[in-house]
Amino acid sequence: MAPRYFTPEEANEALAAVRPFAERMVTHRRALAKAEERQVRLVQSVAGNGALRPGELAGAQACVDREAAALTHCVEAIQELGGVVKGLDEGLVDFPARRGDEDVFLCWHLGEREVAYWHGIDDGFAGRRPLPL
């Protein structure tokens, strides 16, 4: 399936739907990192002959699984809306676009009011340039 290409105006319109998923994505990513850290500490405790309360390790695994599933849901929702998730931690989302004959990305991250930047496919965030294309 060919990618959908966005104009800057279309990408900004899509933000109404993308932004809430990006906000939740960042929240779930942080929660997942904390849950994974807790799980590692528990496993290390067990490896060092430490004691655990019944169900503690299973509860930690369930938390990791829940957060991973919620994170996956957010990423998939953004992709269904035509966005390309480029950064889970900062809520970085690109929108495929065309600049003449060249494929580029319109670039946005959580905290920005609107899509106001673009970059080449291989340039990434560091190569962001202000719109217009």
N, C-alpha and C. Protein backbone atom coordinates (compact mmCIF):
# COMPACT_ATOMS: atom_id res chain seq x y z
N MET A 1 0.83 -1.17 0.00
CA MET A 1 0.00 0.00 0.00
C MET A 1 0.90 1.25 0.00
N ALA A 2 0.60 2.18 -0.88
CA ALA A 2 1.38 3.42 -0.99
C ALA A 2 1.12 4.30 0.23
N PRO A 3 2.16 5.00 0.70
CA PRO A 3 1.95 5.86 1.86
C PRO A 3 1.04 7.04 1.51
N ARG A 4 0.34 7.49 2.50
CA ARG A 4 -0.45 8.70 2.34
C ARG A 4 0.49 9.88 2.48
N TYR A 5 0.36 10.84 1.60
CA TYR A 5 1.15 12.06 1.70
C TYR A 5 0.28 13.18 2.26
N PHE A 6 0.86 13.96 3.15
CA PHE A 6 0.17 15.06 3.82
C PHE A 6 0.69 16.39 3.32
N THR A 7 -0.19 17.34 3.22
CA THR A 7 0.23 18.73 3.10
C THR A 7 0.43 19.22 4.54
N PRO A 8 1.11 20.34 4.73
CA PRO A 8 1.22 20.87 6.09
C PRO A 8 -0.15 21.11 6.73
N GLU A 9 -1.09 21.59 5.96
CA GLU A 9 -2.44 21.84 6.50
C GLU A 9 -3.11 20.54 6.93
N GLU A 10 -2.97 19.49 6.12
CA GLU A 10 -3.56 18.19 6.47
C GLU A 10 -2.89 17.59 7.71
N ALA A 11 -1.58 17.74 7.81
CA ALA A 11 -0.86 17.24 8.99
C ALA A 11 -1.33 17.96 10.24
N ASN A 12 -1.52 19.26 10.15
CA ASN A 12 -2.00 20.02 11.30
C ASN A 12 -3.43 19.63 11.67
N GLU A 13 -4.25 19.34 10.69
CA GLU A 13 -5.60 18.86 10.97
C GLU A 13 -5.55 17.50 11.66
N ALA A 14 -4.63 16.64 11.23
CA ALA A 14 -4.49 15.30 11.82
C ALA A 14 -4.05 15.36 13.28
N LEU A 15 -3.40 16.45 13.67
CA LEU A 15 -2.91 16.56 15.05
C LEU A 15 -4.03 16.47 16.08
N ALA A 16 -5.23 16.89 15.72
CA ALA A 16 -6.35 16.80 16.66
C ALA A 16 -6.55 15.36 17.12
N ALA A 17 -6.35 14.42 16.21
CA ALA A 17 -6.49 13.00 16.55
C ALA A 17 -5.18 12.39 17.03
N VAL A 18 -4.06 12.84 16.49
CA VAL A 18 -2.75 12.25 16.81
C VAL A 18 -2.27 12.67 18.21
N ARG A 19 -2.46 13.94 18.56
CA ARG A 19 -1.92 14.47 19.82
C ARG A 19 -2.33 13.64 21.06
N PRO A 20 -3.62 13.30 21.23
CA PRO A 20 -3.97 12.51 22.43
C PRO A 20 -3.27 11.15 22.48
N PHE A 21 -3.11 10.53 21.32
CA PHE A 21 -2.39 9.25 21.30
C PHE A 21 -0.91 9.45 21.61
N ALA A 22 -0.33 10.53 21.11
CA ALA A 22 1.08 10.82 21.40
C ALA A 22 1.27 11.10 22.89
N GLU A 23 0.34 11.83 23.49
CA GLU A 23 0.43 12.09 24.94
C GLU A 23 0.37 10.79 25.73
N ARG A 24 -0.57 9.93 25.38
CA ARG A 24 -0.68 8.64 26.08
C ARG A 24 0.53 7.75 25.79
N MET A 25 1.04 7.82 24.57
CA MET A 25 2.21 7.02 24.20
C MET A 25 3.39 7.36 25.10
N VAL A 26 3.65 8.64 25.30
CA VAL A 26 4.76 9.08 26.15
C VAL A 26 4.52 8.64 27.59
N THR A 27 3.30 8.78 28.07
CA THR A 27 2.97 8.36 29.44
C THR A 27 3.19 6.86 29.61
N HIS A 28 2.70 6.07 28.66
CA HIS A 28 2.86 4.61 28.75
C HIS A 28 4.33 4.21 28.59
N ARG A 29 5.09 4.93 27.78
CA ARG A 29 6.50 4.61 27.62
C ARG A 29 7.24 4.82 28.94
N ARG A 30 6.93 5.92 29.63
CA ARG A 30 7.56 6.18 30.93
C ARG A 30 7.16 5.11 31.95
N ALA A 31 5.87 4.77 31.96
CA ALA A 31 5.39 3.76 32.90
C ALA A 31 6.00 2.40 32.59
N LEU A 32 6.16 2.09 31.31
CA LEU A 32 6.79 0.82 30.93
C LEU A 32 8.24 0.78 31.39
N ALA A 33 8.97 1.86 31.22
CA ALA A 33 10.37 1.89 31.67
C ALA A 33 10.46 1.65 33.18
N LYS A 34 9.57 2.29 33.95
CA LYS A 34 9.57 2.09 35.40
C LYS A 34 9.20 0.65 35.76
N ALA A 35 8.21 0.10 35.06
CA ALA A 35 7.79 -1.28 35.33
C ALA A 35 8.91 -2.26 35.00
N GLU A 36 9.64 -2.00 33.91
CA GLU A 36 10.75 -2.87 33.55
C GLU A 36 11.88 -2.77 34.57
N GLU A 37 12.15 -1.57 35.06
CA GLU A 37 13.18 -1.40 36.10
C GLU A 37 12.80 -2.17 37.36
N ARG A 38 11.54 -2.07 37.75
CA ARG A 38 11.07 -2.80 38.94
C ARG A 38 11.23 -4.31 38.72
N GLN A 39 10.85 -4.77 37.54
CA GLN A 39 10.95 -6.19 37.24
C GLN A 39 12.41 -6.66 37.32
N VAL A 40 13.32 -5.88 36.80
CA VAL A 40 14.75 -6.23 36.85
C VAL A 40 15.23 -6.31 38.30
N ARG A 41 14.82 -5.34 39.12
CA ARG A 41 15.22 -5.37 40.54
C ARG A 41 14.69 -6.63 41.22
N LEU A 42 13.46 -7.01 40.91
CA LEU A 42 12.90 -8.22 41.53
C LEU A 42 13.64 -9.47 41.08
N VAL A 43 13.95 -9.56 39.80
CA VAL A 43 14.69 -10.72 39.28
C VAL A 43 16.08 -10.77 39.91
N GLN A 44 16.72 -9.62 40.05
CA GLN A 44 18.04 -9.59 40.70
C GLN A 44 17.94 -10.01 42.15
N SER A 45 16.86 -9.63 42.80
CA SER A 45 16.66 -10.03 44.19
C SER A 45 16.52 -11.54 44.30
N VAL A 46 15.75 -12.12 43.39
CA VAL A 46 15.58 -13.57 43.39
C VAL A 46 16.92 -14.26 43.12
N ALA A 47 17.66 -13.73 42.16
CA ALA A 47 18.97 -14.33 41.82
C ALA A 47 19.93 -14.25 43.00
N GLY A 48 19.77 -13.24 43.84
CA GLY A 48 20.62 -13.09 45.02
C GLY A 48 20.01 -13.74 46.25
N ASN A 49 19.08 -14.67 46.04
CA ASN A 49 18.39 -15.38 47.13
C ASN A 49 17.54 -14.46 47.99
N GLY A 50 17.08 -13.36 47.41
CA GLY A 50 16.20 -12.46 48.14
C GLY A 50 14.78 -13.02 48.17
N ALA A 51 14.04 -12.54 49.13
CA ALA A 51 12.67 -13.03 49.28
C ALA A 51 11.70 -12.08 48.58
N LEU A 52 10.67 -12.65 48.02
CA LEU A 52 9.60 -11.88 47.39
C LEU A 52 8.28 -12.26 48.02
N ARG A 53 7.36 -11.33 47.99
CA ARG A 53 6.00 -11.65 48.43
C ARG A 53 5.35 -12.51 47.34
N PRO A 54 4.41 -13.39 47.73
CA PRO A 54 3.74 -14.22 46.72
C PRO A 54 3.10 -13.36 45.64
N GLY A 55 3.35 -13.71 44.39
CA GLY A 55 2.75 -13.02 43.27
C GLY A 55 3.43 -11.73 42.86
N GLU A 56 4.48 -11.34 43.59
CA GLU A 56 5.13 -10.05 43.30
C GLU A 56 5.77 -10.03 41.90
N LEU A 57 6.48 -11.08 41.56
CA LEU A 57 7.12 -11.12 40.25
C LEU A 57 6.06 -11.22 39.14
N ALA A 58 5.04 -12.02 39.36
CA ALA A 58 3.95 -12.13 38.37
C ALA A 58 3.24 -10.79 38.20
N GLY A 59 3.05 -10.07 39.29
CA GLY A 59 2.42 -8.75 39.22
C GLY A 59 3.27 -7.77 38.44
N ALA A 60 4.58 -7.86 38.63
CA ALA A 60 5.49 -6.98 37.90
C ALA A 60 5.43 -7.29 36.41
N GLN A 61 5.39 -8.57 36.07
CA GLN A 61 5.29 -8.97 34.66
C GLN A 61 3.97 -8.51 34.06
N ALA A 62 2.89 -8.61 34.82
CA ALA A 62 1.58 -8.17 34.33
C ALA A 62 1.59 -6.67 34.06
N CYS A 63 2.26 -5.91 34.90
CA CYS A 63 2.35 -4.46 34.71
C CYS A 63 3.14 -4.15 33.44
N VAL A 64 4.25 -4.84 33.23
CA VAL A 64 5.04 -4.66 32.01
C VAL A 64 4.18 -4.97 30.79
N ASP A 65 3.46 -6.08 30.85
CA ASP A 65 2.61 -6.48 29.73
C ASP A 65 1.52 -5.46 29.43
N ARG A 66 0.88 -4.93 30.48
CA ARG A 66 -0.18 -3.93 30.30
C ARG A 66 0.36 -2.66 29.65
N GLU A 67 1.47 -2.17 30.16
CA GLU A 67 2.04 -0.94 29.63
C GLU A 67 2.53 -1.13 28.20
N ALA A 68 3.14 -2.28 27.92
CA ALA A 68 3.60 -2.56 26.55
C ALA A 68 2.42 -2.61 25.59
N ALA A 69 1.33 -3.23 26.00
CA ALA A 69 0.14 -3.32 25.15
C ALA A 69 -0.47 -1.94 24.91
N ALA A 70 -0.53 -1.13 25.95
CA ALA A 70 -1.09 0.22 25.82
C ALA A 70 -0.20 1.07 24.91
N LEU A 71 1.10 0.93 25.06
CA LEU A 71 2.05 1.66 24.21
C LEU A 71 1.87 1.23 22.75
N THR A 72 1.78 -0.05 22.51
CA THR A 72 1.58 -0.58 21.16
C THR A 72 0.29 -0.04 20.56
N HIS A 73 -0.76 0.01 21.36
CA HIS A 73 -2.05 0.53 20.89
C HIS A 73 -1.91 1.98 20.41
N CYS A 74 -1.21 2.79 21.16
CA CYS A 74 -1.02 4.20 20.79
C CYS A 74 -0.23 4.33 19.49
N VAL A 75 0.84 3.57 19.37
CA VAL A 75 1.66 3.61 18.15
C VAL A 75 0.82 3.18 16.95
N GLU A 76 0.08 2.10 17.10
CA GLU A 76 -0.75 1.62 15.99
C GLU A 76 -1.83 2.63 15.62
N ALA A 77 -2.41 3.30 16.60
CA ALA A 77 -3.44 4.31 16.33
C ALA A 77 -2.84 5.48 15.54
N ILE A 78 -1.65 5.91 15.91
CA ILE A 78 -0.98 6.99 15.19
C ILE A 78 -0.68 6.56 13.75
N GLN A 79 -0.23 5.33 13.59
CA GLN A 79 0.06 4.81 12.25
C GLN A 79 -1.21 4.74 11.41
N GLU A 80 -2.31 4.33 12.00
CA GLU A 80 -3.58 4.27 11.27
C GLU A 80 -4.02 5.65 10.80
N LEU A 81 -3.63 6.68 11.54
CA LEU A 81 -3.96 8.05 11.17
C LEU A 81 -2.99 8.62 10.13
N GLY A 82 -1.97 7.84 9.76
CA GLY A 82 -1.02 8.24 8.74
C GLY A 82 0.31 8.74 9.26
N GLY A 83 0.44 8.84 10.58
CA GLY A 83 1.69 9.31 11.17
C GLY A 83 2.71 8.20 11.28
N VAL A 84 3.97 8.58 11.40
CA VAL A 84 5.07 7.64 11.58
C VAL A 84 5.74 8.00 12.91
N VAL A 85 5.65 7.10 13.88
CA VAL A 85 6.24 7.37 15.19
C VAL A 85 7.76 7.23 15.08
N LYS A 86 8.45 8.30 15.48
CA LYS A 86 9.91 8.31 15.40
C LYS A 86 10.56 8.38 16.78
N GLY A 87 9.78 8.70 17.81
CA GLY A 87 10.35 8.80 19.15
C GLY A 87 9.30 8.55 20.21
N LEU A 88 9.42 7.42 20.90
CA LEU A 88 8.46 7.07 21.94
C LEU A 88 8.59 7.96 23.17
N ASP A 89 9.82 8.32 23.52
CA ASP A 89 10.05 9.06 24.74
C ASP A 89 9.62 10.52 24.67
N GLU A 90 9.74 11.12 23.50
CA GLU A 90 9.40 12.53 23.35
C GLU A 90 8.15 12.77 22.53
N GLY A 91 7.50 11.70 22.07
CA GLY A 91 6.29 11.88 21.27
C GLY A 91 6.58 12.47 19.91
N LEU A 92 7.60 11.97 19.25
CA LEU A 92 8.01 12.48 17.94
C LEU A 92 7.25 11.72 16.86
N VAL A 93 6.54 12.49 16.03
CA VAL A 93 5.72 11.91 14.95
C VAL A 93 6.02 12.66 13.66
N ASP A 94 6.26 11.89 12.60
CA ASP A 94 6.45 12.46 11.27
C ASP A 94 5.25 12.12 10.40
N PHE A 95 5.03 12.96 9.41
CA PHE A 95 3.96 12.75 8.44
C PHE A 95 4.60 12.75 7.05
N PRO A 96 4.43 11.68 6.27
CA PRO A 96 5.00 11.64 4.93
C PRO A 96 4.45 12.79 4.08
N ALA A 97 5.34 13.38 3.29
CA ALA A 97 4.94 14.50 2.43
C ALA A 97 5.83 14.46 1.19
N ARG A 98 5.50 15.34 0.24
CA ARG A 98 6.28 15.48 -0.98
C ARG A 98 6.80 16.90 -1.08
N ARG A 99 8.02 17.01 -1.51
CA ARG A 99 8.62 18.31 -1.81
C ARG A 99 9.11 18.20 -3.24
N GLY A 100 8.26 18.63 -4.17
CA GLY A 100 8.55 18.39 -5.58
C GLY A 100 8.50 16.91 -5.84
N ASP A 101 9.61 16.34 -6.31
CA ASP A 101 9.69 14.90 -6.59
C ASP A 101 10.29 14.11 -5.42
N GLU A 102 10.58 14.80 -4.34
CA GLU A 102 11.29 14.20 -3.20
C GLU A 102 10.32 13.83 -2.08
N ASP A 103 10.49 12.63 -1.54
CA ASP A 103 9.76 12.24 -0.33
C ASP A 103 10.43 12.90 0.86
N VAL A 104 9.65 13.50 1.73
CA VAL A 104 10.15 14.14 2.95
C VAL A 104 9.18 13.83 4.07
N PHE A 105 9.52 14.27 5.26
CA PHE A 105 8.63 14.15 6.41
C PHE A 105 8.32 15.53 6.96
N LEU A 106 7.06 15.73 7.28
CA LEU A 106 6.65 16.87 8.10
C LEU A 106 6.84 16.42 9.53
N CYS A 107 7.47 17.22 10.34
CA CYS A 107 7.97 16.78 11.65
C CYS A 107 7.26 17.53 12.78
N TRP A 108 6.83 16.77 13.80
CA TRP A 108 6.17 17.35 14.97
C TRP A 108 6.52 16.51 16.18
N HIS A 109 6.61 17.17 17.33
CA HIS A 109 6.72 16.40 18.57
C HIS A 109 5.86 17.04 19.64
N LEU A 110 5.52 16.22 20.59
CA LEU A 110 4.66 16.62 21.69
C LEU A 110 5.21 17.89 22.33
N GLY A 111 4.32 18.84 22.54
CA GLY A 111 4.72 20.12 23.11
C GLY A 111 4.72 21.22 22.07
N GLU A 112 4.82 20.85 20.80
CA GLU A 112 4.73 21.85 19.75
C GLU A 112 3.25 22.08 19.41
N ARG A 113 2.93 23.33 19.14
CA ARG A 113 1.54 23.70 18.88
C ARG A 113 1.04 23.15 17.55
N GLU A 114 1.93 23.11 16.56
CA GLU A 114 1.53 22.67 15.23
C GLU A 114 2.73 22.07 14.50
N VAL A 115 2.44 21.46 13.36
CA VAL A 115 3.50 20.96 12.49
C VAL A 115 4.10 22.18 11.80
N ALA A 116 5.34 22.48 12.11
CA ALA A 116 5.97 23.68 11.58
C ALA A 116 7.35 23.40 10.97
N TYR A 117 7.73 22.12 10.88
CA TYR A 117 9.04 21.75 10.38
C TYR A 117 8.94 20.58 9.41
N TRP A 118 9.97 20.42 8.63
CA TRP A 118 10.09 19.27 7.73
C TRP A 118 11.56 18.86 7.68
N HIS A 119 11.80 17.64 7.20
CA HIS A 119 13.18 17.16 6.99
C HIS A 119 13.17 16.07 5.95
N GLY A 120 14.33 15.85 5.35
CA GLY A 120 14.48 14.77 4.39
C GLY A 120 14.33 13.42 5.06
N ILE A 121 14.05 12.43 4.28
CA ILE A 121 13.83 11.07 4.80
C ILE A 121 15.03 10.59 5.62
N ASP A 122 16.23 10.88 5.17
CA ASP A 122 17.43 10.39 5.85
C ASP A 122 18.02 11.40 6.83
N ASP A 123 17.45 12.60 6.91
CA ASP A 123 18.01 13.64 7.75
C ASP A 123 17.61 13.51 9.22
N GLY A 124 16.42 13.06 9.48
CA GLY A 124 15.96 12.93 10.84
C GLY A 124 15.75 14.25 11.54
N PHE A 125 15.49 14.17 12.84
CA PHE A 125 15.15 15.34 13.65
C PHE A 125 16.22 16.42 13.57
N ALA A 126 17.48 16.03 13.53
CA ALA A 126 18.58 16.99 13.50
C ALA A 126 18.56 17.84 12.23
N GLY A 127 17.93 17.33 11.18
CA GLY A 127 17.89 18.06 9.91
C GLY A 127 16.62 18.85 9.72
N ARG A 128 15.87 19.07 10.78
CA ARG A 128 14.60 19.82 10.67
C ARG A 128 14.82 21.22 10.12
N ARG A 129 13.92 21.60 9.24
CA ARG A 129 13.92 22.95 8.69
C ARG A 129 12.51 23.51 8.80
N PRO A 130 12.39 24.81 9.00
CA PRO A 130 11.05 25.38 9.13
C PRO A 130 10.27 25.31 7.82
N LEU A 131 8.97 25.15 7.95
CA LEU A 131 8.10 25.22 6.78
C LEU A 131 8.08 26.66 6.29
N PRO A 132 7.80 26.94 5.06
CA PRO A 132 7.22 26.04 4.06
C PRO A 132 8.28 25.11 3.47
N LEU A 133 7.79 24.10 2.77
CA LEU A 133 8.66 23.13 2.10
C LEU A 133 9.49 23.83 1.04
